[in-house]
PDB file of N, CA and C in Angstrom:
ATOM      1  N   MET A   1       1.068  -1.250  -0.178  1.00  0.00           N
ATOM      2  CA  MET A   1      -0.076   0.210  -0.096  1.00  0.00           C
ATOM      3  C   MET A   1       0.853   1.283   0.063  1.00  0.00           C
ATOM      4  N   SER A   2       0.666   1.790  -1.109  1.00  0.00           N
ATOM      5  CA  SER A   2       1.715   3.461  -1.105  1.00  0.00           C
ATOM      6  C   SER A   2       0.889   4.466  -0.662  1.00  0.00           C
ATOM      7  N   ARG A   3       1.641   5.285   0.134  1.00  0.00           N
ATOM      8  CA  ARG A   3       0.967   6.963   0.259  1.00  0.00           C
ATOM      9  C   ARG A   3       1.037   7.745  -0.809  1.00  0.00           C
ATOM     10  N   SER A   4      -0.154   8.519  -0.861  1.00  0.00           N
ATOM     11  CA  SER A   4       0.108   9.409  -1.737  1.00  0.00           C
ATOM     12  C   SER A   4       0.582  10.829  -1.249  1.00  0.00           C
ATOM     13  N   LEU A   5       1.562  11.369  -1.916  1.00  0.00           N
ATOM     14  CA  LEU A   5       2.199  12.638  -1.479  1.00  0.00           C
ATOM     15  C   LEU A   5       1.316  13.851  -1.811  1.00  0.00           C
ATOM     16  N   ALA A   6       0.266  13.584  -2.555  1.00  0.00           N
ATOM     17  CA  ALA A   6      -0.511  14.664  -2.959  1.00  0.00           C
ATOM     18  C   ALA A   6      -0.901  15.754  -1.997  1.00  0.00           C
ATOM     19  N   ILE A   7      -0.624  17.059  -1.929  1.00  0.00           N
ATOM     20  CA  ILE A   7      -1.114  17.992  -1.035  1.00  0.00           C
ATOM     21  C   ILE A   7      -2.686  18.274  -1.375  1.00  0.00           C
ATOM     22  N   PRO A   8      -3.497  18.346  -0.417  1.00  0.00           N
ATOM     23  CA  PRO A   8      -4.993  18.934  -0.743  1.00  0.00           C
ATOM     24  C   PRO A   8      -4.899  20.512  -1.065  1.00  0.00           C
ATOM     25  N   GLN A   9      -5.815  20.657  -1.945  1.00  0.00           N
ATOM     26  CA  GLN A   9      -6.056  22.031  -2.873  1.00  0.00           C
ATOM     27  C   GLN A   9      -5.747  23.027  -1.709  1.00  0.00           C
ATOM     28  N   SER A  10      -6.569  23.001  -0.399  1.00  0.00           N
ATOM     29  CA  SER A  10      -6.701  24.074   0.642  1.00  0.00           C
ATOM     30  C   SER A  10      -5.377  24.339   1.362  1.00  0.00           C
ATOM     31  N   ASP A  11      -4.793  23.197   1.296  1.00  0.00           N
ATOM     32  CA  ASP A  11      -3.365  23.400   2.089  1.00  0.00           C
ATOM     33  C   ASP A  11      -2.408  23.928   1.095  1.00  0.00           C
ATOM     34  N   MET A  12      -2.473  23.721  -0.240  1.00  0.00           N
ATOM     35  CA  MET A  12      -1.706  24.291  -1.467  1.00  0.00           C
ATOM     36  C   MET A  12      -1.846  25.893  -1.645  1.00  0.00           C
ATOM     37  N   LEU A  13      -3.385  26.183  -1.515  1.00  0.00           N
ATOM     38  CA  LEU A  13      -3.515  27.654  -1.480  1.00  0.00           C
ATOM     39  C   LEU A  13      -2.891  28.624  -0.236  1.00  0.00           C
ATOM     40  N   THR A  14      -3.170  27.950   1.037  1.00  0.00           N
ATOM     41  CA  THR A  14      -2.480  28.413   2.082  1.00  0.00           C
ATOM     42  C   THR A  14      -0.853  28.674   2.055  1.00  0.00           C
ATOM     43  N   LEU A  15      -0.172  27.571   1.255  1.00  0.00           N
ATOM     44  CA  LEU A  15       1.213  27.442   1.273  1.00  0.00           C
ATOM     45  C   LEU A  15       1.608  28.500   0.160  1.00  0.00           C
ATOM     46  N   GLU A  16       0.833  28.740  -0.870  1.00  0.00           N
ATOM     47  CA  GLU A  16       1.160  29.848  -2.022  1.00  0.00           C
ATOM     48  C   GLU A  16       0.926  31.194  -1.135  1.00  0.00           C
ATOM     49  N   ALA A  17      -0.167  31.357  -0.695  1.00  0.00           N
ATOM     50  CA  ALA A  17      -0.460  32.718   0.056  1.00  0.00           C
ATOM     51  C   ALA A  17       0.593  32.903   1.005  1.00  0.00           C
ATOM     52  N   SER A  18       1.089  32.146   1.841  1.00  0.00           N
ATOM     53  CA  SER A  18       2.410  32.462   2.664  1.00  0.00           C
ATOM     54  C   SER A  18       3.688  32.601   1.990  1.00  0.00           C
ATOM     55  N   ALA A  19       3.763  31.813   1.222  1.00  0.00           N
ATOM     56  CA  ALA A  19       5.217  32.198   0.414  1.00  0.00           C
ATOM     57  C   ALA A  19       4.915  33.641  -0.646  1.00  0.00           C
ATOM     58  N   ALA A  20       3.676  33.820  -1.185  1.00  0.00           N
ATOM     59  CA  ALA A  20       3.673  34.904  -1.733  1.00  0.00           C
ATOM     60  C   ALA A  20       4.147  36.319  -0.787  1.00  0.00           C
ATOM     61  N   GLY A  21       3.262  36.186   0.475  1.00  0.00           N
ATOM     62  CA  GLY A  21       3.713  37.275   1.432  1.00  0.00           C
ATOM     63  C   GLY A  21       5.048  37.487   1.999  1.00  0.00           C
ATOM     64  N   ALA A  22       5.735  36.276   2.000  1.00  0.00           N
ATOM     65  CA  ALA A  22       7.121  36.430   2.384  1.00  0.00           C
ATOM     66  C   ALA A  22       8.047  36.849   1.400  1.00  0.00           C
ATOM     67  N   ALA A  23       7.659  36.882   0.250  1.00  0.00           N
ATOM     68  CA  ALA A  23       8.212  37.216  -0.870  1.00  0.00           C
ATOM     69  C   ALA A  23       8.084  38.710  -0.921  1.00  0.00           C
ATOM     70  N   LEU A  24       7.067  39.105  -0.585  1.00  0.00           N
ATOM     71  CA  LEU A  24       6.780  40.500  -0.954  1.00  0.00           C
ATOM     72  C   LEU A  24       7.140  41.724   0.615  1.00  0.00           C
ATOM     73  N   ALA A  25       7.603  40.721   1.720  1.00  0.00           N
ATOM     74  CA  ALA A  25       8.277  41.480   2.741  1.00  0.00           C
ATOM     75  C   ALA A  25       9.488  42.187   2.601  1.00  0.00           C
ATOM     76  N   CYS A  26       9.673  43.219   3.145  1.00  0.00           N
ATOM     77  CA  CYS A  26      10.953  44.051   2.778  1.00  0.00           C
ATOM     78  C   CYS A  26      11.425  44.397   4.002  1.00  0.00           C
ATOM     79  N   ALA A  27      12.915  44.573   4.453  1.00  0.00           N
ATOM     80  CA  ALA A  27      13.389  45.065   5.478  1.00  0.00           C
ATOM     81  C   ALA A  27      13.322  46.641   5.490  1.00  0.00           C
ATOM     82  N   TYR A  28      13.207  47.189   4.444  1.00  0.00           N
ATOM     83  CA  TYR A  28      13.521  48.415   4.421  1.00  0.00           C
ATOM     84  C   TYR A  28      11.908  49.170   4.158  1.00  0.00           C
ATOM     85  N   SER A  29      11.635  50.374   4.810  1.00  0.00           N
ATOM     86  CA  SER A  29      10.396  51.078   4.696  1.00  0.00           C
ATOM     87  C   SER A  29      10.444  51.982   3.446  1.00  0.00           C
ATOM     88  N   SER A  30      11.433  52.284   2.783  1.00  0.00           N
ATOM     89  CA  SER A  30      11.324  53.098   1.799  1.00  0.00           C
ATOM     90  C   SER A  30      12.849  52.612   0.685  1.00  0.00           C
ATOM     91  N   SER A  31      12.569  53.214  -0.438  1.00  0.00           N
ATOM     92  CA  SER A  31      13.813  53.128  -1.201  1.00  0.00           C
ATOM     93  C   SER A  31      14.910  53.656  -0.792  1.00  0.00           C
ATOM     94  N   ASP A  32      14.683  54.903  -0.239  1.00  0.00           N
ATOM     95  CA  ASP A  32      15.985  55.733   0.425  1.00  0.00           C
ATOM     96  C   ASP A  32      16.670  54.761   1.208  1.00  0.00           C
ATOM     97  N   GLU A  33      15.748  54.222   2.254  1.00  0.00           N
ATOM     98  CA  GLU A  33      16.566  53.557   3.181  1.00  0.00           C
ATOM     99  C   GLU A  33      17.493  52.346   2.551  1.00  0.00           C
ATOM    100  N   TYR A  34      16.836  51.674   1.385  1.00  0.00           N
ATOM    101  CA  TYR A  34      17.630  50.518   0.587  1.00  0.00           C
ATOM    102  C   TYR A  34      18.793  51.153  -0.072  1.00  0.00           C
ATOM    103  N   ASP A  35      18.740  52.144  -0.797  1.00  0.00           N
ATOM    104  CA  ASP A  35      19.908  52.905  -1.334  1.00  0.00           C
ATOM    105  C   ASP A  35      20.885  53.122  -0.341  1.00  0.00           C
ATOM    106  N   ALA A  36      20.543  53.840   0.813  1.00  0.00           N
ATOM    107  CA  ALA A  36      21.455  54.114   1.576  1.00  0.00           C
ATOM    108  C   ALA A  36      22.564  52.855   2.261  1.00  0.00           C
ATOM    109  N   ALA A  37      21.548  51.826   2.542  1.00  0.00           N
ATOM    110  CA  ALA A  37      22.134  50.535   2.938  1.00  0.00           C
ATOM    111  C   ALA A  37      23.062  49.932   1.859  1.00  0.00           C
ATOM    112  N   LEU A  38      22.435  49.917   0.694  1.00  0.00           N
ATOM    113  CA  LEU A  38      23.284  49.642  -0.618  1.00  0.00           C
ATOM    114  C   LEU A  38      24.623  50.007  -0.786  1.00  0.00           C
ATOM    115  N   ILE A  39      24.509  51.347  -0.611  1.00  0.00           N
ATOM    116  CA  ILE A  39      25.873  52.206  -1.105  1.00  0.00           C
ATOM    117  C   ILE A  39      26.586  51.936   0.178  1.00  0.00           C
ATOM    118  N   ALA A  40      26.179  52.051   1.643  1.00  0.00           N
ATOM    119  CA  ALA A  40      27.163  51.513   2.757  1.00  0.00           C
ATOM    120  C   ALA A  40      27.761  50.394   2.509  1.00  0.00           C
ATOM    121  N   GLU A  41      27.092  49.481   2.396  1.00  0.00           N
ATOM    122  CA  GLU A  41      27.740  47.966   2.003  1.00  0.00           C
ATOM    123  C   GLU A  41      28.634  47.918   1.064  1.00  0.00           C
ATOM    124  N   ARG A  42      28.554  48.491  -0.410  1.00  0.00           N
ATOM    125  CA  ARG A  42      29.517  48.732  -1.519  1.00  0.00           C
ATOM    126  C   ARG A  42      30.607  49.241  -0.830  1.00  0.00           C
ATOM    127  N   ARG A  43      30.586  50.674  -0.080  1.00  0.00           N
ATOM    128  CA  ARG A  43      31.529  51.251   0.338  1.00  0.00           C
ATOM    129  C   ARG A  43      32.592  50.259   1.277  1.00  0.00           C
ATOM    130  N   ALA A  44      31.918  49.676   2.260  1.00  0.00           N
ATOM    131  CA  ALA A  44      32.450  48.976   3.060  1.00  0.00           C
ATOM    132  C   ALA A  44      33.201  47.803   2.260  1.00  0.00           C
ATOM    133  N   ALA A  45      32.575  47.370   0.999  1.00  0.00           N
ATOM    134  CA  ALA A  45      33.430  46.318   0.307  1.00  0.00           C
ATOM    135  C   ALA A  45      34.377  46.859  -0.533  1.00  0.00           C
ATOM    136  N   GLY A  46      34.664  48.047  -0.589  1.00  0.00           N
ATOM    137  CA  GLY A  46      35.536  48.814  -1.484  1.00  0.00           C
ATOM    138  C   GLY A  46      35.392  49.002  -2.880  1.00  0.00           C
ATOM    139  N   VAL A  47      33.986  48.804  -3.170  1.00  0.00           N
ATOM    140  CA  VAL A  47      33.716  49.097  -4.640  1.00  0.00           C
ATOM    141  C   VAL A  47      33.802  50.222  -5.384  1.00  0.00           C
ATOM    142  N   TYR A  48      33.762  51.380  -4.362  1.00  0.00           N
ATOM    143  CA  TYR A  48      33.858  52.485  -4.904  1.00  0.00           C
ATOM    144  C   TYR A  48      35.254  53.217  -4.881  1.00  0.00           C
ATOM    145  N   GLY A  49      36.521  52.343  -4.525  1.00  0.00           N
ATOM    146  CA  GLY A  49      37.768  52.750  -4.443  1.00  0.00           C
ATOM    147  C   GLY A  49      38.086  53.483  -3.387  1.00  0.00           C
ATOM    148  N   PRO A  50      39.319  53.792  -3.079  1.00  0.00           N
ATOM    149  CA  PRO A  50      39.912  54.255  -1.734  1.00  0.00           C
ATOM    150  C   PRO A  50      39.108  55.444  -1.576  1.00  0.00           C
ATOM    151  N   LYS A  51      39.065  55.988  -0.412  1.00  0.00           N
ATOM    152  CA  LYS A  51      38.691  57.238   0.068  1.00  0.00           C
ATOM    153  C   LYS A  51      39.436  58.359  -0.293  1.00  0.00           C
ATOM    154  N   ARG A  52      39.385  59.460  -0.599  1.00  0.00           N
ATOM    155  CA  ARG A  52      39.938  60.627  -1.081  1.00  0.00           C
ATOM    156  C   ARG A  52      40.232  61.404   0.276  1.00  0.00           C
ATOM    157  N   ARG A  53      41.215  61.491   0.667  1.00  0.00           N
ATOM    158  CA  ARG A  53      41.654  62.284   1.899  1.00  0.00           C
ATOM    159  C   ARG A  53      42.195  63.548   1.407  1.00  0.00           C
ATOM    160  N   ARG A  54      41.177  64.454   0.736  1.00  0.00           N
ATOM    161  CA  ARG A  54      41.562  65.673   0.033  1.00  0.00           C
ATOM    162  C   ARG A  54      41.887  66.764   1.362  1.00  0.00           C
ATOM    163  N   LYS A  55      41.367  66.733   2.446  1.00  0.00           N
ATOM    164  CA  LYS A  55      41.592  67.583   3.449  1.00  0.00           C
ATOM    165  C   LYS A  55      42.951  67.328   4.147  1.00  0.00           C
ATOM    166  N   GLN A  56      43.268  66.126   4.438  1.00  0.00           N
ATOM    167  CA  GLN A  56      44.508  65.839   4.978  1.00  0.00           C
ATOM    168  C   GLN A  56      45.516  65.965   3.861  1.00  0.00           C
ATOM    169  N   LEU A  57      45.602  66.027   2.873  1.00  0.00           N
ATOM    170  CA  LEU A  57      46.476  66.429   1.815  1.00  0.00           C
ATOM    171  C   LEU A  57      46.822  67.898   1.771  1.00  0.00           C
ATOM    172  N   LEU A  58      45.594  68.628   1.928  1.00  0.00           N
ATOM    173  CA  LEU A  58      45.913  70.174   2.005  1.00  0.00           C
ATOM    174  C   LEU A  58      46.556  70.528   3.328  1.00  0.00           C
ATOM    175  N   VAL A  59      46.341  70.037   4.445  1.00  0.00           N
ATOM    176  CA  VAL A  59      46.853  70.335   5.705  1.00  0.00           C
ATOM    177  C   VAL A  59      48.220  69.856   5.474  1.00  0.00           C
ATOM    178  N   THR A  60      48.807  68.732   4.647  1.00  0.00           N
ATOM    179  CA  THR A  60      50.009  68.532   4.668  1.00  0.00           C
ATOM    180  C   THR A  60      50.889  69.319   3.552  1.00  0.00           C
ATOM    181  N   VAL A  61      50.263  69.705   2.493  1.00  0.00           N
ATOM    182  CA  VAL A  61      50.834  70.854   1.771  1.00  0.00           C
ATOM    183  C   VAL A  61      51.331  72.147   2.406  1.00  0.00           C
ATOM    184  N   ALA A  62      49.967  72.487   2.817  1.00  0.00           N
ATOM    185  CA  ALA A  62      49.981  73.752   3.776  1.00  0.00           C
ATOM    186  C   ALA A  62      51.184  73.868   4.883  1.00  0.00           C
ATOM    187  N   GLY A  63      51.324  72.488   5.473  1.00  0.00           N
ATOM    188  CA  GLY A  63      52.841  72.481   6.472  1.00  0.00           C
ATOM    189  C   GLY A  63      54.074  72.652   5.819  1.00  0.00           C
ATOM    190  N   ILE A  64      54.135  71.917   4.720  1.00  0.00           N
ATOM    191  CA  ILE A  64      55.210  72.021   3.726  1.00  0.00           C
ATOM    192  C   ILE A  64      55.640  73.393   3.426  1.00  0.00           C
ATOM    193  N   ALA A  65      54.604  73.980   2.775  1.00  0.00           N
ATOM    194  CA  ALA A  65      54.786  75.518   2.329  1.00  0.00           C
ATOM    195  C   ALA A  65      55.173  76.315   3.669  1.00  0.00           C
ATOM    196  N   ALA A  66      54.608  76.083   4.718  1.00  0.00           N
ATOM    197  CA  ALA A  66      54.957  76.885   5.878  1.00  0.00           C
ATOM    198  C   ALA A  66      56.443  76.722   6.217  1.00  0.00           C
ATOM    199  N   GLY A  67      56.727  75.335   6.373  1.00  0.00           N
ATOM    200  CA  GLY A  67      58.203  75.414   6.798  1.00  0.00           C
ATOM    201  C   GLY A  67      59.155  75.495   5.751  1.00  0.00           C
ATOM    202  N   LEU A  68      58.897  75.560   4.415  1.00  0.00           N
ATOM    203  CA  LEU A  68      59.700  76.370   3.396  1.00  0.00           C
ATOM    204  C   LEU A  68      59.707  77.869   3.457  1.00  0.00           C
ATOM    205  N   ALA A  69      58.763  78.399   3.846  1.00  0.00           N
ATOM    206  CA  ALA A  69      58.631  79.563   4.049  1.00  0.00           C
ATOM    207  C   ALA A  69      59.485  79.893   5.345  1.00  0.00           C
ATOM    208  N   VAL A  70      59.713  79.373   6.324  1.00  0.00           N
ATOM    209  CA  VAL A  70      60.359  79.622   7.349  1.00  0.00           C
ATOM    210  C   VAL A  70      61.758  79.420   7.034  1.00  0.00           C
ATOM    211  N   ILE A  71      62.287  78.272   6.313  1.00  0.00           N
ATOM    212  CA  ILE A  71      63.317  78.092   5.881  1.00  0.00           C
ATOM    213  C   ILE A  71      63.937  79.376   4.819  1.00  0.00           C
ATOM    214  N   ALA A  72      63.032  79.681   4.081  1.00  0.00           N
ATOM    215  CA  ALA A  72      63.389  80.776   3.027  1.00  0.00           C
ATOM    216  C   ALA A  72      63.669  82.329   3.694  1.00  0.00           C
ATOM    217  N   ALA A  73      62.996  82.343   4.876  1.00  0.00           N
ATOM    218  CA  ALA A  73      63.084  83.779   5.798  1.00  0.00           C
ATOM    219  C   ALA A  73      64.190  83.623   6.628  1.00  0.00           C
ATOM    220  N   LYS A  74      64.906  82.640   6.799  1.00  0.00           N
ATOM    221  CA  LYS A  74      65.976  82.693   7.562  1.00  0.00           C
ATOM    222  C   LYS A  74      67.312  82.966   6.871  1.00  0.00           C
ATOM    223  N   GLU A  75      67.278  82.892   5.639  1.00  0.00           N
ATOM    224  CA  GLU A  75      68.398  82.962   4.643  1.00  0.00           C
ATOM    225  C   GLU A  75      68.424  84.427   4.454  1.00  0.00           C
TER     226      GLU A  75
END
């Protein structure tokens, strides 16, 4: 005697409805939140390349220029 693995129609509809509801659920309340999370994740992974340190470079160049000005003034 073999058992049938057929799922009753009502159970099948319940399963489909629950799967459809789970597929539509989203962890983000808006597309802005999703985009921000996606960009943050990509930055952490290094997709956008190294961070530019423009301010640090500007301070370094200004320090070197000030040092050269002090050396030039002593002569």
